[in-house]
Amino acid sequence: MMSLSTVLLLAIAASSIGAGTASGQSAVAPQEPSSSSELMQEVRALRVALERFTAAGTRAQILLGRLRMQEDRVASIGRQLQEVRARLLEVQRDRTNTASEIKRLTEALDEMPAAERRAMESRIANMKAAVKRAEVRERELQVEDNDLAQTLASEQSRWLEFSARLDELERGLAK
């Protein structure tokens, strides 16, 4: 990394070369500053510009770090939401299959002998209880799905906010 004095000397040289070229002088022979106070003013202006640039760079790095953390958070919540939705579909599918099986067995009850019929009625009662438990689990998963979807939308909004702040900082540096 260049030292501050090297940066200042390069900036002064570039400024002098630019001034010499603009006034019709050769770019090879830099113009001498007319006084030490002008030189000090230019050094101060360069120091202020360098401080501003450094502060903007630091802010950009902080925002970039926050943006990356937010991206990770959004991705994590997105994965959680996918997992909940997969479990919800599985519970719904199992509940539907069990309900269909109950219907099929109930229709077949009339044709069964009495001994088998009691065993089948007990099995159907257990299956109905399983359907009720599946309905409760389905409602729980739907609530979790809604909560995660809202959280994801909120976190995506925060990500957009950080991204907009980075864009704003970038536009400020372009000026």
Foldseek 3Di string as FASTA:
>chain_A
DDDLVVVLVVVVLVVQLVVQVVVPHHSVDGDDDPDVVVSVVSSVVVVVVVVVVVVLVVVLVVLVVVLVVLVVVLVVLVVVLVVLVVVLVVLVVVLVVLVVVLVVLVVCLVVDDPVVNVVSVVVSVVSVVVSVVSVVVNVVSVVVNVVSVVVSVVSVVVSVVSVVVSVVSVVVVVD
